[in-house]
Amino acid sequence: MRIILVILTLFALLLTAYSLLVQTRFTLNALEPSIVVSLWGMLLLASTELFQKLPDSVLPKDSFLQRAQTHCKHLFFTFLALIVLFVAALLIWLSLRLLLI
C-alpha cells in the first residue's frame, strides 16, 4: 500500500509541476486538484512514518530520568499528533471547498 501511495503522490507532484510550467486549459483545471492530492499523499506518508514506532510506556522500575525522558517523548508525539490532526482538518476543508466550487 505504501508503494502505491508513493507513486500516486509522485505523480500528483509531477502533474503540479507540469501545471505550473505549461499553461493550457487542462493544466489550469488540474492545478488545484493535483496540489490537494499531493498534499494528502505527503500527509499520509509523513504520518505513517512518524507514528510507526511509538515510545514505550512508563514502567515503575524505571529511574526518574528515564520516566521523565519517556514523558517528554510522549508529549512530543502528542504535539506531533495534534499538528497532523490540524493539517488533516485543513486539508479536509480545502478538499470540500474544491469539490463544492
Protein backbone atom coordinates (compact mmCIF):
# COMPACT_ATOMS: atom_id res chain seq x y z
CA MET A 1 0.00 0.00 0.00
CA ARG A 2 2.88 2.35 0.78
CA ILE A 3 4.39 1.97 -2.69
CA ILE A 4 1.06 2.82 -4.32
CA LEU A 5 0.78 5.92 -2.13
CA VAL A 6 4.33 7.00 -3.01
CA ILE A 7 3.64 6.55 -6.74
CA LEU A 8 0.34 8.46 -6.50
CA THR A 9 1.99 11.31 -4.59
CA LEU A 10 4.90 11.47 -7.02
CA PHE A 11 2.50 11.52 -9.97
CA ALA A 12 0.49 14.33 -8.34
CA LEU A 13 3.67 16.31 -7.68
CA LEU A 14 4.79 15.88 -11.28
CA LEU A 15 1.35 16.98 -12.50
CA THR A 16 1.55 20.02 -10.22
CA ALA A 17 4.97 20.94 -11.60
CA TYR A 18 3.77 20.43 -15.17
CA SER A 19 0.67 22.55 -14.48
CA LEU A 20 2.85 25.35 -13.17
CA LEU A 21 5.24 25.26 -16.13
CA VAL A 22 2.82 24.73 -19.03
CA GLN A 23 -0.24 26.96 -19.33
CA THR A 24 -3.08 25.14 -21.10
CA ARG A 25 -6.76 24.74 -20.31
CA PHE A 26 -6.15 21.25 -18.89
CA THR A 27 -3.31 22.33 -16.63
CA LEU A 28 -5.26 25.28 -15.26
CA ASN A 29 -8.11 22.92 -14.32
CA ALA A 30 -5.76 20.25 -12.95
CA LEU A 31 -3.60 22.52 -10.79
CA GLU A 32 -5.74 22.71 -7.64
CA PRO A 33 -6.73 19.00 -7.56
CA SER A 34 -3.13 17.93 -8.13
CA ILE A 35 -1.96 20.17 -5.28
CA VAL A 36 -4.60 18.72 -2.94
CA VAL A 37 -3.80 15.12 -3.91
CA SER A 38 -0.09 15.68 -3.44
CA LEU A 39 -0.71 17.27 -0.03
CA TRP A 40 -2.90 14.35 1.05
CA GLY A 41 -0.27 11.87 -0.13
CA MET A 42 2.53 13.67 1.69
CA LEU A 43 0.42 13.93 4.86
CA LEU A 44 -0.39 10.22 4.82
CA LEU A 45 3.21 9.25 4.12
CA ALA A 46 4.56 11.54 6.83
CA SER A 47 2.05 10.41 9.44
CA THR A 48 2.72 6.73 8.78
CA GLU A 49 6.46 7.30 9.06
CA LEU A 50 6.20 9.50 12.16
CA PHE A 51 3.95 7.21 14.16
CA GLN A 52 5.37 3.86 13.11
CA LYS A 53 7.44 3.43 16.28
CA LEU A 54 5.91 4.96 19.38
CA PRO A 55 7.86 5.21 22.63
CA ASP A 56 7.33 2.56 25.29
CA SER A 57 5.14 3.14 28.30
CA VAL A 58 6.50 4.36 31.62
CA LEU A 59 7.43 1.44 33.88
CA PRO A 60 7.54 1.64 37.68
CA LYS A 61 11.04 0.13 37.75
CA ASP A 62 12.48 2.93 35.55
CA SER A 63 14.60 5.61 37.12
CA PHE A 64 13.38 9.17 37.48
CA LEU A 65 15.36 10.35 34.44
CA GLN A 66 14.08 7.51 32.26
CA ARG A 67 10.48 8.28 33.28
CA ALA A 68 10.99 11.99 32.61
CA GLN A 69 12.51 11.23 29.22
CA THR A 70 9.61 8.92 28.34
CA HIS A 71 7.09 11.56 29.40
CA CYS A 72 8.88 14.13 27.21
CA LYS A 73 8.76 11.73 24.25
CA HIS A 74 5.03 11.16 24.84
CA LEU A 75 4.48 14.91 24.99
CA PHE A 76 6.40 15.36 21.74
CA PHE A 77 4.37 12.63 19.98
CA THR A 78 1.14 14.18 21.30
CA PHE A 79 2.22 17.53 19.89
CA LEU A 80 3.00 15.89 16.52
CA ALA A 81 -0.38 14.14 16.52
CA LEU A 82 -2.15 17.44 17.14
CA ILE A 83 -0.25 19.04 14.27
CA VAL A 84 -1.18 16.14 11.97
CA LEU A 85 -4.84 16.45 13.02
CA PHE A 86 -4.77 20.21 12.38
CA VAL A 87 -3.24 19.76 8.92
CA ALA A 88 -5.73 16.97 8.14
CA ALA A 89 -8.61 19.26 9.15
CA LEU A 90 -7.24 21.99 6.90
CA LEU A 91 -6.91 19.54 4.02
CA ILE A 92 -10.47 18.29 4.56
CA TRP A 93 -11.69 21.88 4.46
CA LEU A 94 -9.66 22.57 1.32
CA SER A 95 -10.87 19.37 -0.35
CA LEU A 96 -14.52 20.11 0.43
CA ARG A 97 -14.10 23.67 -0.80
CA LEU A 98 -12.55 22.38 -4.01
CA LEU A 99 -15.35 19.84 -4.50
CA LEU A 100 -18.13 22.34 -3.86
CA ILE A 101 -16.84 25.06 -6.19
